[in-house]
Protein backbone atom coordinates (compact mmCIF):
# COMPACT_ATOMS: atom_id res chain seq x y z
CA UNK A 1 0.40 -63.53 29.34
CA UNK A 2 3.81 -61.98 30.02
CA UNK A 3 2.77 -58.75 28.26
CA UNK A 4 -0.31 -58.50 30.47
CA UNK A 5 1.72 -59.11 33.63
CA UNK A 6 4.06 -56.26 32.70
CA UNK A 7 1.03 -53.90 32.61
CA UNK A 8 0.40 -54.40 36.33
CA UNK A 9 1.59 -51.39 38.33
CA UNK A 10 2.32 -52.40 41.92
CA UNK A 11 2.61 -48.76 43.02
CA UNK A 12 -0.62 -47.51 41.43
CA UNK A 13 -2.24 -44.99 43.83
CA UNK A 14 -5.89 -45.75 42.99
CA UNK A 15 -6.26 -49.27 41.57
CA UNK A 16 -5.25 -52.16 43.78
CA UNK A 17 -3.21 -55.06 42.46
CA UNK A 18 -6.21 -57.35 42.93
CA UNK A 19 -8.36 -55.13 40.70
CA UNK A 20 -5.63 -54.77 38.10
CA UNK A 21 -5.21 -58.54 37.93
CA UNK A 22 -8.94 -59.05 37.56
CA UNK A 23 -9.12 -56.49 34.75
CA UNK A 24 -6.18 -58.05 32.91
CA UNK A 25 -7.33 -61.62 33.64
CA UNK A 26 -4.05 -62.74 35.21
CA UNK A 27 -3.38 -64.58 38.45
CA UNK A 28 -1.87 -62.57 41.30
CA UNK A 29 0.66 -65.33 41.88
CA UNK A 30 1.99 -64.74 38.35
CA UNK A 31 2.68 -61.09 39.17
CA UNK A 32 4.71 -61.89 42.28
CA UNK A 33 6.60 -64.81 40.69
CA UNK A 34 10.34 -64.30 40.20
CA UNK A 35 12.00 -66.66 37.70
CA UNK A 36 14.68 -68.87 39.20
CA UNK A 37 17.72 -69.84 37.17
CA UNK A 38 18.16 -73.53 36.40
CA UNK A 39 20.43 -75.42 38.77
CA UNK A 40 23.96 -75.61 37.23
CA UNK A 41 24.25 -79.22 38.40
CA UNK A 42 21.04 -80.10 36.54
CA UNK A 43 22.50 -78.51 33.41
CA UNK A 44 25.70 -80.54 33.80
CA UNK A 45 23.78 -83.80 34.25
CA UNK A 46 21.58 -83.06 31.23
CA UNK A 47 24.67 -82.57 29.12
CA UNK A 48 26.07 -85.90 30.33
CA UNK A 49 22.74 -87.63 29.61
CA UNK A 50 22.76 -86.25 26.09
CA UNK A 51 26.30 -87.54 25.43
CA UNK A 52 25.50 -90.97 26.89
CA UNK A 53 22.33 -91.18 24.79
CA UNK A 54 24.38 -90.74 21.62
CA UNK A 55 26.58 -93.68 22.66
CA UNK A 56 23.76 -95.99 23.76
CA UNK A 57 20.12 -94.87 23.38
CA UNK A 58 18.81 -98.07 25.01
CA UNK A 59 19.85 -97.33 28.61
CA UNK A 60 17.05 -96.99 31.15
CA UNK A 61 17.18 -94.96 34.35
CA UNK A 62 18.62 -97.81 36.44
CA UNK A 63 21.60 -98.43 34.18
CA UNK A 64 22.04 -94.70 33.61
CA UNK A 65 22.46 -94.21 37.35
CA UNK A 66 25.23 -96.80 37.30
CA UNK A 67 26.99 -95.20 34.33
CA UNK A 68 26.76 -91.70 35.79
CA UNK A 69 28.18 -92.80 39.13
CA UNK A 70 30.87 -95.06 37.62
CA UNK A 71 32.14 -92.80 34.84
CA UNK A 72 31.28 -89.28 36.01
CA UNK A 73 31.05 -89.53 39.81
CA UNK A 74 27.44 -88.30 39.75
CA UNK A 75 25.15 -89.63 42.49
CA UNK A 76 21.50 -89.13 41.61
CA UNK A 77 18.23 -90.83 42.50
CA UNK A 78 15.93 -92.27 39.83
CA UNK A 79 13.16 -89.74 40.42
CA UNK A 80 15.42 -86.78 39.71
CA UNK A 81 17.05 -88.59 36.79
CA UNK A 82 13.68 -89.36 35.19
CA UNK A 83 12.60 -85.73 35.62
CA UNK A 84 15.73 -84.43 33.89
CA UNK A 85 15.24 -86.88 31.01
CA UNK A 86 11.64 -85.72 30.57
CA UNK A 87 12.78 -82.09 30.46
CA UNK A 88 15.16 -82.77 27.55
CA UNK A 89 12.68 -85.03 25.75
CA UNK A 90 14.80 -88.16 26.15
CA UNK A 91 13.40 -91.67 26.32
CA UNK A 92 15.15 -95.04 26.12
CA UNK A 93 14.56 -97.06 22.96
CA UNK A 94 12.97 -100.40 23.81
CA UNK A 95 10.18 -102.64 22.62
CA UNK A 96 6.95 -101.70 24.37
CA UNK A 97 3.67 -103.63 24.51
CA UNK A 98 0.86 -101.63 22.95
CA UNK A 99 -1.46 -101.79 25.92
CA UNK A 100 -2.93 -98.31 25.46
CA UNK A 101 -3.75 -95.89 22.66
CA UNK A 102 -2.75 -92.23 23.04
CA UNK A 103 -5.80 -90.09 23.73
CA UNK A 104 -4.48 -86.82 22.33
CA UNK A 105 -6.59 -87.21 19.19
CA UNK A 106 -3.68 -86.78 16.83
CA UNK A 107 -3.68 -89.03 13.79
CA UNK A 108 -0.70 -91.34 13.28
CA UNK A 109 0.33 -91.88 9.66
CA UNK A 110 1.87 -95.10 8.26
CA UNK A 111 5.54 -95.50 7.37
CA UNK A 112 5.77 -95.14 3.58
CA UNK A 113 9.50 -95.71 3.01
CA UNK A 114 9.67 -99.46 3.59
CA UNK A 115 11.09 -101.14 0.44
CA UNK A 116 10.92 -97.81 -1.39
CA UNK A 117 13.81 -96.97 -3.74
CA UNK A 118 14.80 -93.37 -3.06
CA UNK A 119 16.91 -92.29 -6.03
CA UNK A 120 16.31 -88.56 -6.55
CA UNK A 121 16.15 -85.26 -4.66
CA UNK A 122 12.84 -84.01 -3.28
CA UNK A 123 11.40 -87.53 -3.37
CA UNK A 124 11.58 -87.77 0.43
CA UNK A 125 12.31 -85.11 3.04
CA UNK A 126 12.65 -85.87 6.73
CA UNK A 127 12.74 -83.84 9.93
CA UNK A 128 13.58 -84.30 13.57
CA UNK A 129 14.24 -82.36 16.80
CA UNK A 130 17.24 -82.71 19.10
CA UNK A 131 18.23 -81.29 22.49
CA UNK A 132 21.18 -78.87 22.56
CA UNK A 133 22.98 -78.32 25.90
CA UNK A 134 24.16 -74.81 26.77
CA UNK A 135 26.12 -73.35 29.72
CA UNK A 136 23.02 -71.68 31.15
CA UNK A 137 20.07 -73.77 30.03
CA UNK A 138 19.35 -75.56 26.80
CA UNK A 139 17.88 -75.19 23.32
CA UNK A 140 16.16 -77.34 20.73
CA UNK A 141 17.25 -77.75 17.13
CA UNK A 142 14.95 -78.87 14.32
CA UNK A 143 16.30 -79.68 10.86
CA UNK A 144 14.76 -80.67 7.52
CA UNK A 145 16.89 -82.97 5.34
CA UNK A 146 16.59 -84.33 1.83
CA UNK A 147 16.81 -88.13 2.15
CA UNK A 148 18.55 -88.79 -1.19
CA UNK A 149 21.31 -86.16 -1.01
CA UNK A 150 21.53 -85.84 2.81
CA UNK A 151 21.47 -82.06 2.36
CA UNK A 152 20.09 -79.99 5.25
CA UNK A 153 17.49 -77.85 3.51
CA UNK A 154 16.33 -75.81 6.48
CA UNK A 155 16.66 -75.62 10.24
CA UNK A 156 15.42 -73.64 13.23
CA UNK A 157 16.57 -73.08 16.81
CA UNK A 158 14.53 -72.23 19.91
CA UNK A 159 14.51 -72.62 23.69
CA UNK A 160 11.09 -74.26 23.47
CA UNK A 161 10.14 -77.52 21.75
CA UNK A 162 6.85 -76.64 20.08
CA UNK A 163 5.21 -77.05 16.70
CA UNK A 164 6.27 -73.49 15.82
CA UNK A 165 9.91 -74.63 15.83
CA UNK A 166 9.17 -77.39 13.31
CA UNK A 167 7.09 -75.11 11.09
CA UNK A 168 9.88 -72.54 11.07
CA UNK A 169 12.35 -75.19 9.88
CA UNK A 170 9.87 -76.37 7.24
CA UNK A 171 9.26 -72.86 5.91
CA UNK A 172 13.02 -72.30 5.83
CA UNK A 173 13.43 -75.40 3.65
CA UNK A 174 10.56 -74.46 1.35
CA UNK A 175 11.86 -70.93 0.94
CA UNK A 176 15.45 -72.00 0.31
CA UNK A 177 14.61 -74.63 -2.31
CA UNK A 178 11.38 -73.41 -3.88
CA UNK A 179 10.40 -77.08 -4.10
CA UNK A 180 7.97 -79.44 -2.35
CA UNK A 181 8.76 -83.08 -1.55
CA UNK A 182 6.64 -86.03 -2.61
CA UNK A 183 6.86 -87.66 0.86
CA UNK A 184 7.73 -86.15 4.24
CA UNK A 185 8.91 -88.54 6.98
CA UNK A 186 9.07 -87.79 10.73
CA UNK A 187 8.70 -89.59 14.03
CA UNK A 188 5.43 -89.71 15.97
CA UNK A 189 6.26 -86.79 18.27
CA UNK A 190 3.38 -84.53 19.21
CA UNK A 191 4.86 -81.67 17.16
CA UNK A 192 4.73 -83.76 13.97
CA UNK A 193 1.28 -85.22 14.63
CA UNK A 194 -0.25 -81.83 15.40
CA UNK A 195 -2.97 -80.41 13.18
CA UNK A 196 -0.77 -77.41 12.32
CA UNK A 197 2.07 -79.57 10.98
CA UNK A 198 0.03 -82.20 9.14
CA UNK A 199 -2.32 -79.55 7.81
CA UNK A 200 0.56 -77.58 6.33
CA UNK A 201 1.95 -80.67 4.59
CA UNK A 202 -1.46 -81.78 3.36
CA UNK A 203 -2.07 -78.31 1.98
CA UNK A 204 1.12 -78.63 -0.06
CA UNK A 205 -0.02 -81.99 -1.44
CA UNK A 206 2.72 -83.91 0.40
CA UNK A 207 2.28 -87.53 1.47
CA UNK A 208 2.92 -87.88 5.21
CA UNK A 209 5.03 -90.76 6.54
CA UNK A 210 5.85 -91.51 10.18
CA UNK A 211 8.35 -93.86 11.82
CA UNK A 212 7.12 -96.88 13.71
CA UNK A 213 6.88 -96.29 17.45
CA UNK A 214 10.38 -96.56 18.96
CA UNK A 215 11.90 -97.20 15.50
CA UNK A 216 14.73 -94.66 15.40
CA UNK A 217 16.28 -96.59 12.48
CA UNK A 218 13.33 -95.51 10.30
CA UNK A 219 14.83 -92.00 10.25
CA UNK A 220 18.46 -93.01 10.58
CA UNK A 221 20.05 -90.35 8.33
CA UNK A 222 18.93 -87.39 10.39
CA UNK A 223 19.77 -89.28 13.61
CA UNK A 224 23.31 -89.61 12.22
CA UNK A 225 23.29 -85.86 11.48
CA UNK A 226 22.65 -85.11 15.16
CA UNK A 227 25.69 -87.15 16.18
CA UNK A 228 27.87 -85.24 13.71
CA UNK A 229 26.72 -81.74 14.61
CA UNK A 230 27.02 -82.36 18.34
CA UNK A 231 30.47 -83.93 18.37
CA UNK A 232 31.89 -81.67 15.66
CA UNK A 233 30.44 -78.34 16.76
CA UNK A 234 28.20 -78.15 19.84
CA UNK A 235 30.42 -80.07 22.27
CA UNK A 236 33.64 -78.43 21.06
CA UNK A 237 32.55 -74.82 21.56
CA UNK A 238 30.80 -73.03 24.40
CA UNK A 239 27.82 -71.10 23.07
CA UNK A 240 26.57 -68.88 25.86
CA UNK A 241 23.57 -67.41 24.00
CA UNK A 242 21.08 -68.49 21.36
CA UNK A 243 22.33 -65.91 18.82
CA UNK A 244 25.91 -67.19 19.22
CA UNK A 245 24.74 -70.78 18.84
CA UNK A 246 22.68 -69.86 15.77
CA UNK A 247 25.70 -68.25 14.06
CA UNK A 248 27.89 -71.26 14.84
CA UNK A 249 25.33 -73.76 13.55
CA UNK A 250 24.84 -71.75 10.37
CA UNK A 251 28.57 -71.99 9.73
CA UNK A 252 28.62 -75.75 10.42
CA UNK A 253 25.59 -76.53 8.22
CA UNK A 254 27.14 -74.52 5.38
CA UNK A 255 30.36 -76.58 5.65
CA UNK A 256 28.34 -79.79 5.86
CA UNK A 257 26.26 -78.97 2.77
CA UNK A 258 28.84 -77.39 0.50
CA UNK A 259 32.38 -78.26 1.59
CA UNK A 260 32.78 -81.60 3.35
CA UNK A 261 32.78 -84.67 1.04
CA UNK A 262 30.35 -87.46 1.91
CA UNK A 263 31.68 -90.99 1.49
CA UNK A 264 28.27 -92.54 0.74
CA UNK A 265 27.76 -89.94 -2.00
CA UNK A 266 30.92 -90.85 -3.89
CA UNK A 267 32.87 -88.15 -1.98
CA UNK A 268 30.63 -85.42 -3.37
CA UNK A 269 29.01 -82.86 -1.08
CA UNK A 270 25.28 -83.06 -0.26
CA UNK A 271 24.79 -79.69 -1.97
CA UNK A 272 26.28 -80.91 -5.26
CA UNK A 273 24.24 -84.13 -5.22
CA UNK A 274 21.04 -82.21 -4.46
CA UNK A 275 21.58 -79.78 -7.33
CA UNK A 276 22.87 -82.19 -10.00
CA UNK A 277 20.86 -85.38 -9.51
CA UNK A 278 17.90 -85.90 -11.91
CA UNK A 279 14.53 -85.19 -10.34
CA UNK A 280 12.44 -87.42 -12.61
CA UNK A 281 11.74 -91.03 -11.56
CA UNK A 282 14.27 -93.40 -13.08
CA UNK A 283 11.56 -95.46 -14.78
CA UNK A 284 10.08 -92.36 -16.43
CA UNK A 285 13.52 -91.27 -17.66
CA UNK A 286 14.20 -94.67 -19.18
CA UNK A 287 10.79 -94.69 -20.88
CA UNK A 288 11.38 -91.21 -22.32
CA UNK A 289 14.77 -92.33 -23.62
CA UNK A 290 13.24 -95.36 -25.33
CA UNK A 291 10.51 -93.21 -26.93
CA UNK A 292 13.07 -90.74 -28.24
CA UNK A 293 15.10 -93.60 -29.74
C-alpha cells in the first residue's frame, strides 16, 4: 500500500489525484495522511507499565492507576490506560470464566509438557514475544529457547507484532542449530495459533504444545528470560533505533549463552549444556548399555 501511495503525483499536469487513486486502488485519505509521532508521555507510561508488569503481572487497570499515581505521580483515566495496555499487548493474569469461544478459527493445541521429564536438548523448544520500550516508540522481541539447556537458539526484532516476527525467530533457530525439536511449546497468542506458524511446525514433523489460557507458568523459563534481558540490558541503556537495539541484544544473548554461568545448570553456560548433553532418551541409552553388556 505504501509503495502505491508513493506513486501518486500531486502535481501531475494531466491526471487528477482522484483518477490516480482510482487507478492505483488507494484511498485519497491515505495520500493526504501525514504520520504523527507517538506522544512522549504515552511512551513514558508504556515503559512504566512494562516495568510494573514484571513486578506483578496480576494488576488490573484500577490498581494500576493507583500504583502509577502513588509511585510515579502519573494521573491517567482507565480508558487511556486500557488503550495503552492493548497497544503493548499487555493483559493482567487472572482466572477467567470460559463463557465464550474465540471465533478466529485458529486451532488451540493441548499442553504436552505436564508431568513430562525433559532431560535432553531439542526435546522441547519454546517461544514467546515481549514488548520492548524505546525512547521514540517501541519494538517487539521474539525468542526461541531450548527448554532443557535454557539456550536462546534464535531471536528476531521488529516494530510490529505479527506472525512474520515469530517465523523469523524460528528460522533463525533452525538455521543456527540444524536441528528440529520433538515438541514446540508456546502460548495461545494469535501469532502462534496462525496457520502459517502451525503449518511450518507440522511440516517439520514437530508436535505442537500450547500453554493453558492465562497460565504463564506453563512457559516459565522464557518468561524469566524476559525479566533478565530487560533489567540487565534494555532498561540500562538507551537504544534510539532498531539497529542499535539489535546490536545490543545480540551482544547480551551471546553473553547469556556462552559466558554467564547458570546456577540451575550446575554453573555451566546454556551453550555448553546444549552442546554436551546426550540427545538420546535416557531410557534408550540405558537399554543400549544393557545390550552392549
